PDB file of N, CA and C in Angstrom:
ATOM      1  N   MET A   1       8.715  10.891 -11.300  1.00  0.00           N
ATOM      2  CA  MET A   1       8.396   9.477 -11.207  1.00  0.00           C
ATOM      3  C   MET A   1       7.575   9.092 -12.424  1.00  0.00           C
ATOM      4  N   LEU A   2       7.972   8.017 -13.043  1.00  0.00           N
ATOM      5  CA  LEU A   2       7.272   7.530 -14.224  1.00  0.00           C
ATOM      6  C   LEU A   2       6.229   6.511 -13.795  1.00  0.00           C
ATOM      7  N   ILE A   3       5.021   6.708 -14.253  1.00  0.00           N
ATOM      8  CA  ILE A   3       3.951   5.770 -13.920  1.00  0.00           C
ATOM      9  C   ILE A   3       3.557   5.048 -15.194  1.00  0.00           C
ATOM     10  N   GLY A   4       3.778   3.749 -15.207  1.00  0.00           N
ATOM     11  CA  GLY A   4       3.450   2.940 -16.366  1.00  0.00           C
ATOM     12  C   GLY A   4       2.722   1.691 -15.934  1.00  0.00           C
ATOM     13  N   GLY A   5       2.633   0.749 -16.848  1.00  0.00           N
ATOM     14  CA  GLY A   5       1.888  -0.482 -16.605  1.00  0.00           C
ATOM     15  C   GLY A   5       2.412  -1.298 -15.445  1.00  0.00           C
ATOM     16  N   ASP A   6       3.742  -1.473 -15.372  1.00  0.00           N
ATOM     17  CA  ASP A   6       4.319  -2.263 -14.284  1.00  0.00           C
ATOM     18  C   ASP A   6       4.077  -1.602 -12.935  1.00  0.00           C
ATOM     19  N   PHE A   7       4.289  -0.286 -12.889  1.00  0.00           N
ATOM     20  CA  PHE A   7       4.071   0.452 -11.652  1.00  0.00           C
ATOM     21  C   PHE A   7       2.614   0.343 -11.223  1.00  0.00           C
ATOM     22  N   ASN A   8       1.713   0.519 -12.159  1.00  0.00           N
ATOM     23  CA  ASN A   8       0.289   0.450 -11.868  1.00  0.00           C
ATOM     24  C   ASN A   8      -0.108  -0.943 -11.377  1.00  0.00           C
ATOM     25  N   ASN A   9       0.451  -1.975 -11.980  1.00  0.00           N
ATOM     26  CA  ASN A   9       0.165  -3.344 -11.543  1.00  0.00           C
ATOM     27  C   ASN A   9       0.675  -3.592 -10.124  1.00  0.00           C
ATOM     28  N   ARG A  10       1.860  -3.059  -9.818  1.00  0.00           N
ATOM     29  CA  ARG A  10       2.403  -3.227  -8.473  1.00  0.00           C
ATOM     30  C   ARG A  10       1.544  -2.480  -7.445  1.00  0.00           C
ATOM     31  N   ALA A  11       1.048  -1.301  -7.835  1.00  0.00           N
ATOM     32  CA  ALA A  11       0.176  -0.532  -6.939  1.00  0.00           C
ATOM     33  C   ALA A  11      -1.102  -1.317  -6.659  1.00  0.00           C
ATOM     34  N   LYS A  12      -1.645  -1.949  -7.679  1.00  0.00           N
ATOM     35  CA  LYS A  12      -2.856  -2.757  -7.501  1.00  0.00           C
ATOM     36  C   LYS A  12      -2.584  -3.952  -6.591  1.00  0.00           C
ATOM     37  N   GLN A  13      -1.439  -4.608  -6.784  1.00  0.00           N
ATOM     38  CA  GLN A  13      -1.073  -5.743  -5.939  1.00  0.00           C
ATOM     39  C   GLN A  13      -0.943  -5.306  -4.483  1.00  0.00           C
ATOM     40  N   LEU A  14      -0.281  -4.183  -4.271  1.00  0.00           N
ATOM     41  CA  LEU A  14      -0.078  -3.683  -2.922  1.00  0.00           C
ATOM     42  C   LEU A  14      -1.412  -3.351  -2.268  1.00  0.00           C
ATOM     43  N   LEU A  15      -2.274  -2.687  -2.995  1.00  0.00           N
ATOM     44  CA  LEU A  15      -3.583  -2.311  -2.448  1.00  0.00           C
ATOM     45  C   LEU A  15      -4.420  -3.548  -2.127  1.00  0.00           C
ATOM     46  N   ALA A  16      -4.416  -4.526  -3.006  1.00  0.00           N
ATOM     47  CA  ALA A  16      -5.172  -5.759  -2.767  1.00  0.00           C
ATOM     48  C   ALA A  16      -4.633  -6.503  -1.544  1.00  0.00           C
ATOM     49  N   LEU A  17      -3.313  -6.576  -1.422  1.00  0.00           N
ATOM     50  CA  LEU A  17      -2.716  -7.254  -0.271  1.00  0.00           C
ATOM     51  C   LEU A  17      -3.014  -6.492   1.015  1.00  0.00           C
ATOM     52  N   LEU A  18      -2.926  -5.173   0.972  1.00  0.00           N
ATOM     53  CA  LEU A  18      -3.248  -4.366   2.147  1.00  0.00           C
ATOM     54  C   LEU A  18      -4.692  -4.599   2.576  1.00  0.00           C
ATOM     55  N   GLY A  19      -5.593  -4.678   1.622  1.00  0.00           N
ATOM     56  CA  GLY A  19      -6.990  -4.970   1.939  1.00  0.00           C
ATOM     57  C   GLY A  19      -7.134  -6.313   2.626  1.00  0.00           C
ATOM     58  N   ALA A  20      -6.431  -7.309   2.114  1.00  0.00           N
ATOM     59  CA  ALA A  20      -6.503  -8.652   2.697  1.00  0.00           C
ATOM     60  C   ALA A  20      -5.898  -8.688   4.101  1.00  0.00           C
ATOM     61  N   LEU A  21      -4.724  -8.074   4.272  1.00  0.00           N
ATOM     62  CA  LEU A  21      -4.060  -8.092   5.577  1.00  0.00           C
ATOM     63  C   LEU A  21      -4.829  -7.305   6.639  1.00  0.00           C
ATOM     64  N   SER A  22      -5.574  -6.313   6.216  1.00  0.00           N
ATOM     65  CA  SER A  22      -6.342  -5.510   7.173  1.00  0.00           C
ATOM     66  C   SER A  22      -7.783  -5.989   7.314  1.00  0.00           C
ATOM     67  N   ASP A  23      -8.134  -7.059   6.629  1.00  0.00           N
ATOM     68  CA  ASP A  23      -9.515  -7.555   6.600  1.00  0.00           C
ATOM     69  C   ASP A  23     -10.475  -6.452   6.161  1.00  0.00           C
ATOM     70  N   ASN A  24      -9.997  -5.609   5.246  1.00  0.00           N
ATOM     71  CA  ASN A  24     -10.778  -4.478   4.727  1.00  0.00           C
ATOM     72  C   ASN A  24     -11.328  -3.593   5.836  1.00  0.00           C
ATOM     73  N   ASN A  25     -10.535  -3.435   6.871  1.00  0.00           N
ATOM     74  CA  ASN A  25     -10.916  -2.587   8.005  1.00  0.00           C
ATOM     75  C   ASN A  25     -10.027  -1.347   7.994  1.00  0.00           C
ATOM     76  N   PRO A  26     -10.600  -0.167   7.771  1.00  0.00           N
ATOM     77  CA  PRO A  26      -9.785   1.046   7.703  1.00  0.00           C
ATOM     78  C   PRO A  26      -9.153   1.456   9.036  1.00  0.00           C
ATOM     79  N   ASP A  27      -9.525   0.818  10.124  1.00  0.00           N
ATOM     80  CA  ASP A  27      -8.936   1.120  11.424  1.00  0.00           C
ATOM     81  C   ASP A  27      -7.736   0.239  11.755  1.00  0.00           C
ATOM     82  N   THR A  28      -7.446  -0.747  10.908  1.00  0.00           N
ATOM     83  CA  THR A  28      -6.367  -1.690  11.162  1.00  0.00           C
ATOM     84  C   THR A  28      -5.073  -1.218  10.512  1.00  0.00           C
ATOM     85  N   SER A  29      -4.037  -1.058  11.319  1.00  0.00           N
ATOM     86  CA  SER A  29      -2.708  -0.710  10.810  1.00  0.00           C
ATOM     87  C   SER A  29      -1.995  -1.980  10.365  1.00  0.00           C
ATOM     88  N   VAL A  30      -1.325  -1.886   9.232  1.00  0.00           N
ATOM     89  CA  VAL A  30      -0.567  -3.014   8.696  1.00  0.00           C
ATOM     90  C   VAL A  30       0.894  -2.607   8.612  1.00  0.00           C
ATOM     91  N   SER A  31       1.765  -3.491   9.032  1.00  0.00           N
ATOM     92  CA  SER A  31       3.194  -3.230   8.974  1.00  0.00           C
ATOM     93  C   SER A  31       3.670  -3.215   7.518  1.00  0.00           C
ATOM     94  N   VAL A  32       4.413  -2.191   7.172  1.00  0.00           N
ATOM     95  CA  VAL A  32       4.959  -2.090   5.824  1.00  0.00           C
ATOM     96  C   VAL A  32       5.904  -3.265   5.564  1.00  0.00           C
ATOM     97  N   GLU A  33       6.589  -3.705   6.605  1.00  0.00           N
ATOM     98  CA  GLU A  33       7.507  -4.833   6.464  1.00  0.00           C
ATOM     99  C   GLU A  33       6.767  -6.097   6.008  1.00  0.00           C
ATOM    100  N   ASP A  34       5.545  -6.307   6.481  1.00  0.00           N
ATOM    101  CA  ASP A  34       4.745  -7.452   6.055  1.00  0.00           C
ATOM    102  C   ASP A  34       4.445  -7.373   4.553  1.00  0.00           C
ATOM    103  N   LEU A  35       4.160  -6.177   4.067  1.00  0.00           N
ATOM    104  CA  LEU A  35       3.894  -5.989   2.637  1.00  0.00           C
ATOM    105  C   LEU A  35       5.145  -6.280   1.809  1.00  0.00           C
ATOM    106  N   VAL A  36       6.276  -5.785   2.282  1.00  0.00           N
ATOM    107  CA  VAL A  36       7.536  -5.976   1.567  1.00  0.00           C
ATOM    108  C   VAL A  36       7.872  -7.458   1.470  1.00  0.00           C
ATOM    109  N   ASP A  37       7.683  -8.175   2.571  1.00  0.00           N
ATOM    110  CA  ASP A  37       7.987  -9.607   2.589  1.00  0.00           C
ATOM    111  C   ASP A  37       7.178 -10.367   1.545  1.00  0.00           C
ATOM    112  N   GLN A  38       5.938  -9.988   1.356  1.00  0.00           N
ATOM    113  CA  GLN A  38       5.070 -10.729   0.448  1.00  0.00           C
ATOM    114  C   GLN A  38       5.162 -10.255  -1.005  1.00  0.00           C
ATOM    115  N   LEU A  39       5.534  -8.998  -1.213  1.00  0.00           N
ATOM    116  CA  LEU A  39       5.567  -8.464  -2.578  1.00  0.00           C
ATOM    117  C   LEU A  39       6.978  -8.333  -3.149  1.00  0.00           C
ATOM    118  N   ASP A  40       8.006  -8.529  -2.324  1.00  0.00           N
ATOM    119  CA  ASP A  40       9.394  -8.448  -2.778  1.00  0.00           C
ATOM    120  C   ASP A  40       9.675  -7.107  -3.465  1.00  0.00           C
ATOM    121  N   LEU A  41       9.447  -6.026  -2.736  1.00  0.00           N
ATOM    122  CA  LEU A  41       9.674  -4.681  -3.249  1.00  0.00           C
ATOM    123  C   LEU A  41      10.977  -4.119  -2.696  1.00  0.00           C
ATOM    124  N   ASP A  42      11.656  -3.295  -3.501  1.00  0.00           N
ATOM    125  CA  ASP A  42      12.814  -2.610  -2.948  1.00  0.00           C
ATOM    126  C   ASP A  42      12.349  -1.294  -2.313  1.00  0.00           C
ATOM    127  N   ARG A  43      13.239  -0.682  -1.567  1.00  0.00           N
ATOM    128  CA  ARG A  43      12.876   0.495  -0.773  1.00  0.00           C
ATOM    129  C   ARG A  43      12.361   1.655  -1.637  1.00  0.00           C
ATOM    130  N   THR A  44      13.032   1.935  -2.749  1.00  0.00           N
ATOM    131  CA  THR A  44      12.637   3.046  -3.614  1.00  0.00           C
ATOM    132  C   THR A  44      11.277   2.797  -4.251  1.00  0.00           C
ATOM    133  N   GLU A  45      11.069   1.596  -4.773  1.00  0.00           N
ATOM    134  CA  GLU A  45       9.785   1.272  -5.395  1.00  0.00           C
ATOM    135  C   GLU A  45       8.657   1.355  -4.371  1.00  0.00           C
ATOM    136  N   LEU A  46       8.905   0.837  -3.187  1.00  0.00           N
ATOM    137  CA  LEU A  46       7.897   0.878  -2.125  1.00  0.00           C
ATOM    138  C   LEU A  46       7.542   2.312  -1.763  1.00  0.00           C
ATOM    139  N   LYS A  47       8.552   3.150  -1.580  1.00  0.00           N
ATOM    140  CA  LYS A  47       8.317   4.559  -1.243  1.00  0.00           C
ATOM    141  C   LYS A  47       7.453   5.228  -2.305  1.00  0.00           C
ATOM    142  N   ASN A  48       7.782   5.005  -3.556  1.00  0.00           N
ATOM    143  CA  ASN A  48       7.013   5.602  -4.655  1.00  0.00           C
ATOM    144  C   ASN A  48       5.577   5.090  -4.692  1.00  0.00           C
ATOM    145  N   LEU A  49       5.401   3.803  -4.487  1.00  0.00           N
ATOM    146  CA  LEU A  49       4.054   3.225  -4.492  1.00  0.00           C
ATOM    147  C   LEU A  49       3.202   3.773  -3.351  1.00  0.00           C
ATOM    148  N   LEU A  50       3.780   3.832  -2.156  1.00  0.00           N
ATOM    149  CA  LEU A  50       3.025   4.312  -1.004  1.00  0.00           C
ATOM    150  C   LEU A  50       2.650   5.780  -1.156  1.00  0.00           C
ATOM    151  N   GLU A  51       3.571   6.582  -1.648  1.00  0.00           N
ATOM    152  CA  GLU A  51       3.272   8.000  -1.838  1.00  0.00           C
ATOM    153  C   GLU A  51       2.221   8.192  -2.932  1.00  0.00           C
ATOM    154  N   TYR A  52       2.274   7.388  -3.968  1.00  0.00           N
ATOM    155  CA  TYR A  52       1.273   7.447  -5.033  1.00  0.00           C
ATOM    156  C   TYR A  52      -0.113   7.081  -4.501  1.00  0.00           C
ATOM    157  N   LEU A  53      -0.191   5.974  -3.759  1.00  0.00           N
ATOM    158  CA  LEU A  53      -1.474   5.528  -3.212  1.00  0.00           C
ATOM    159  C   LEU A  53      -2.008   6.504  -2.171  1.00  0.00           C
ATOM    160  N   GLU A  54      -1.116   7.094  -1.383  1.00  0.00           N
ATOM    161  CA  GLU A  54      -1.567   8.083  -0.404  1.00  0.00           C
ATOM    162  C   GLU A  54      -2.083   9.339  -1.123  1.00  0.00           C
ATOM    163  N   GLY A  55      -1.425   9.738  -2.174  1.00  0.00           N
ATOM    164  CA  GLY A  55      -1.862  10.890  -2.948  1.00  0.00           C
ATOM    165  C   GLY A  55      -3.233  10.696  -3.573  1.00  0.00           C
ATOM    166  N   ARG A  56      -3.571   9.468  -3.880  1.00  0.00           N
ATOM    167  CA  ARG A  56      -4.890   9.141  -4.435  1.00  0.00           C
ATOM    168  C   ARG A  56      -5.903   8.848  -3.337  1.00  0.00           C
ATOM    169  N   GLU A  57      -5.484   9.007  -2.080  1.00  0.00           N
ATOM    170  CA  GLU A  57      -6.323   8.807  -0.898  1.00  0.00           C
ATOM    171  C   GLU A  57      -6.836   7.372  -0.764  1.00  0.00           C
ATOM    172  N   LEU A  58      -6.005   6.418  -1.201  1.00  0.00           N
ATOM    173  CA  LEU A  58      -6.362   5.005  -1.085  1.00  0.00           C
ATOM    174  C   LEU A  58      -5.770   4.375   0.170  1.00  0.00           C
ATOM    175  N   ILE A  59      -4.713   4.993   0.695  1.00  0.00           N
ATOM    176  CA  ILE A  59      -4.093   4.535   1.939  1.00  0.00           C
ATOM    177  C   ILE A  59      -3.795   5.750   2.807  1.00  0.00           C
ATOM    178  N   GLU A  60      -3.504   5.465   4.066  1.00  0.00           N
ATOM    179  CA  GLU A  60      -3.054   6.495   5.005  1.00  0.00           C
ATOM    180  C   GLU A  60      -1.764   6.000   5.633  1.00  0.00           C
ATOM    181  N   ILE A  61      -0.724   6.797   5.579  1.00  0.00           N
ATOM    182  CA  ILE A  61       0.528   6.447   6.228  1.00  0.00           C
ATOM    183  C   ILE A  61       0.383   6.804   7.703  1.00  0.00           C
ATOM    184  N   VAL A  62       0.540   5.794   8.561  1.00  0.00           N
ATOM    185  CA  VAL A  62       0.282   5.958   9.983  1.00  0.00           C
ATOM    186  C   VAL A  62       1.554   6.277  10.754  1.00  0.00           C
ATOM    187  N   SER A  63       2.660   5.596  10.412  1.00  0.00           N
ATOM    188  CA  SER A  63       3.904   5.838  11.136  1.00  0.00           C
ATOM    189  C   SER A  63       5.074   5.857  10.171  1.00  0.00           C
ATOM    190  N   ILE A  64       6.054   6.649  10.552  1.00  0.00           N
ATOM    191  CA  ILE A  64       7.268   6.793   9.750  1.00  0.00           C
ATOM    192  C   ILE A  64       8.413   6.226  10.572  1.00  0.00           C
ATOM    193  N   GLY A  65       9.312   5.525   9.889  1.00  0.00           N
ATOM    194  CA  GLY A  65      10.481   4.963  10.549  1.00  0.00           C
ATOM    195  C   GLY A  65      10.667   3.513  10.182  1.00  0.00           C
ATOM    196  N   GLY A  66      11.786   2.994  10.536  1.00  0.00           N
ATOM    197  CA  GLY A  66      12.087   1.607  10.230  1.00  0.00           C
ATOM    198  C   GLY A  66      12.865   1.472   8.940  1.00  0.00           C
ATOM    199  N   PRO A  67      13.164   0.256   8.562  1.00  0.00           N
ATOM    200  CA  PRO A  67      14.025   0.017   7.397  1.00  0.00           C
ATOM    201  C   PRO A  67      13.419   0.432   6.066  1.00  0.00           C
ATOM    202  N   PHE A  68      12.128   0.629   6.009  1.00  0.00           N
ATOM    203  CA  PHE A  68      11.474   0.957   4.739  1.00  0.00           C
ATOM    204  C   PHE A  68      10.872   2.361   4.747  1.00  0.00           C
ATOM    205  N   LEU A  69      11.407   3.240   5.595  1.00  0.00           N
ATOM    206  CA  LEU A  69      10.986   4.629   5.721  1.00  0.00           C
ATOM    207  C   LEU A  69       9.635   4.761   6.401  1.00  0.00           C
ATOM    208  N   TYR A  70       8.659   3.979   5.969  1.00  0.00           N
ATOM    209  CA  TYR A  70       7.338   4.011   6.579  1.00  0.00           C
ATOM    210  C   TYR A  70       7.166   2.749   7.420  1.00  0.00           C
ATOM    211  N   GLY A  71       6.530   2.896   8.570  1.00  0.00           N
ATOM    212  CA  GLY A  71       6.369   1.761   9.474  1.00  0.00           C
ATOM    213  C   GLY A  71       5.050   1.035   9.323  1.00  0.00           C
ATOM    214  N   HIS A  72       3.945   1.795   9.350  1.00  0.00           N
ATOM    215  CA  HIS A  72       2.610   1.204   9.265  1.00  0.00           C
ATOM    216  C   HIS A  72       1.721   2.057   8.376  1.00  0.00           C
ATOM    217  N   ILE A  73       0.786   1.400   7.711  1.00  0.00           N
ATOM    218  CA  ILE A  73      -0.185   2.092   6.868  1.00  0.00           C
ATOM    219  C   ILE A  73      -1.569   1.508   7.114  1.00  0.00           C
ATOM    220  N   LYS A  74      -2.577   2.273   6.734  1.00  0.00           N
ATOM    221  CA  LYS A  74      -3.966   1.811   6.795  1.00  0.00           C
ATOM    222  C   LYS A  74      -4.593   1.999   5.420  1.00  0.00           C
ATOM    223  N   ILE A  75      -5.508   1.129   5.095  1.00  0.00           N
ATOM    224  CA  ILE A  75      -6.287   1.296   3.874  1.00  0.00           C
ATOM    225  C   ILE A  75      -7.456   2.233   4.199  1.00  0.00           C
ATOM    226  N   THR A  76      -7.806   3.098   3.287  1.00  0.00           N
ATOM    227  CA  THR A  76      -8.946   3.996   3.499  1.00  0.00           C
ATOM    228  C   THR A  76     -10.211   3.344   2.957  1.00  0.00           C
ATOM    229  N   GLN A  77     -11.337   3.951   3.259  1.00  0.00           N
ATOM    230  CA  GLN A  77     -12.605   3.440   2.723  1.00  0.00           C
ATOM    231  C   GLN A  77     -12.571   3.462   1.195  1.00  0.00           C
ATOM    232  N   LYS A  78     -12.015   4.517   0.625  1.00  0.00           N
ATOM    233  CA  LYS A  78     -11.867   4.622  -0.825  1.00  0.00           C
ATOM    234  C   LYS A  78     -10.959   3.494  -1.348  1.00  0.00           C
ATOM    235  N   GLY A  79      -9.915   3.178  -0.585  1.00  0.00           N
ATOM    236  CA  GLY A  79      -9.019   2.091  -0.960  1.00  0.00           C
ATOM    237  C   GLY A  79      -9.695   0.744  -0.911  1.00  0.00           C
ATOM    238  N   ILE A  80     -10.561   0.549   0.077  1.00  0.00           N
ATOM    239  CA  ILE A  80     -11.305  -0.707   0.190  1.00  0.00           C
ATOM    240  C   ILE A  80     -12.203  -0.893  -1.038  1.00  0.00           C
ATOM    241  N   LEU A  81     -12.870   0.166  -1.436  1.00  0.00           N
ATOM    242  CA  LEU A  81     -13.734   0.085  -2.630  1.00  0.00           C
ATOM    243  C   LEU A  81     -12.922  -0.214  -3.884  1.00  0.00           C
ATOM    244  N   LYS A  82     -11.770   0.421  -4.000  1.00  0.00           N
ATOM    245  CA  LYS A  82     -10.904   0.193  -5.169  1.00  0.00           C
ATOM    246  C   LYS A  82     -10.356  -1.235  -5.161  1.00  0.00           C
ATOM    247  N   ALA A  83      -9.937  -1.716  -4.009  1.00  0.00           N
ATOM    248  CA  ALA A  83      -9.403  -3.086  -3.898  1.00  0.00           C
ATOM    249  C   ALA A  83     -10.474  -4.107  -4.254  1.00  0.00           C
ATOM    250  N   ALA A  84     -11.719  -3.847  -3.881  1.00  0.00           N
ATOM    251  CA  ALA A  84     -12.819  -4.774  -4.185  1.00  0.00           C
ATOM    252  C   ALA A  84     -13.025  -4.883  -5.702  1.00  0.00           C
ATOM    253  N   LYS A  85     -12.806  -3.805  -6.412  1.00  0.00           N
ATOM    254  CA  LYS A  85     -12.952  -3.816  -7.877  1.00  0.00           C
ATOM    255  C   LYS A  85     -11.830  -4.586  -8.562  1.00  0.00           C
ATOM    256  N   LEU A  86     -10.721  -4.807  -7.865  1.00  0.00           N
ATOM    257  CA  LEU A  86      -9.559  -5.487  -8.438  1.00  0.00           C
ATOM    258  C   LEU A  86      -9.728  -6.993  -8.434  1.00  0.00           C
ATOM    259  N   LYS A  87     -10.675  -7.502  -7.676  1.00  0.00           N
ATOM    260  CA  LYS A  87     -10.854  -8.960  -7.543  1.00  0.00           C
ATOM    261  C   LYS A  87     -11.496  -9.545  -8.767  1.00  0.00           C
TER     262      LYS A  87
END
């Protein structure tokens, strides 16, 4: 997987939106479908972004399944801090 400027920008957008949708609460699960609707991501790009963010411990994948491979995710405390720096 190639990580460049566009990919990094999309990861930041996803993390910021996840923070907003979860009200920066690490206990709140957010539907991946809600993220896709707002960010207009394709399945492959979404999978790569989620795996990248999970590898950096910024999100937690909560459920697997559905049209986008992953069903729900949570932002971690580390992700909340990172999202706050993006504002």
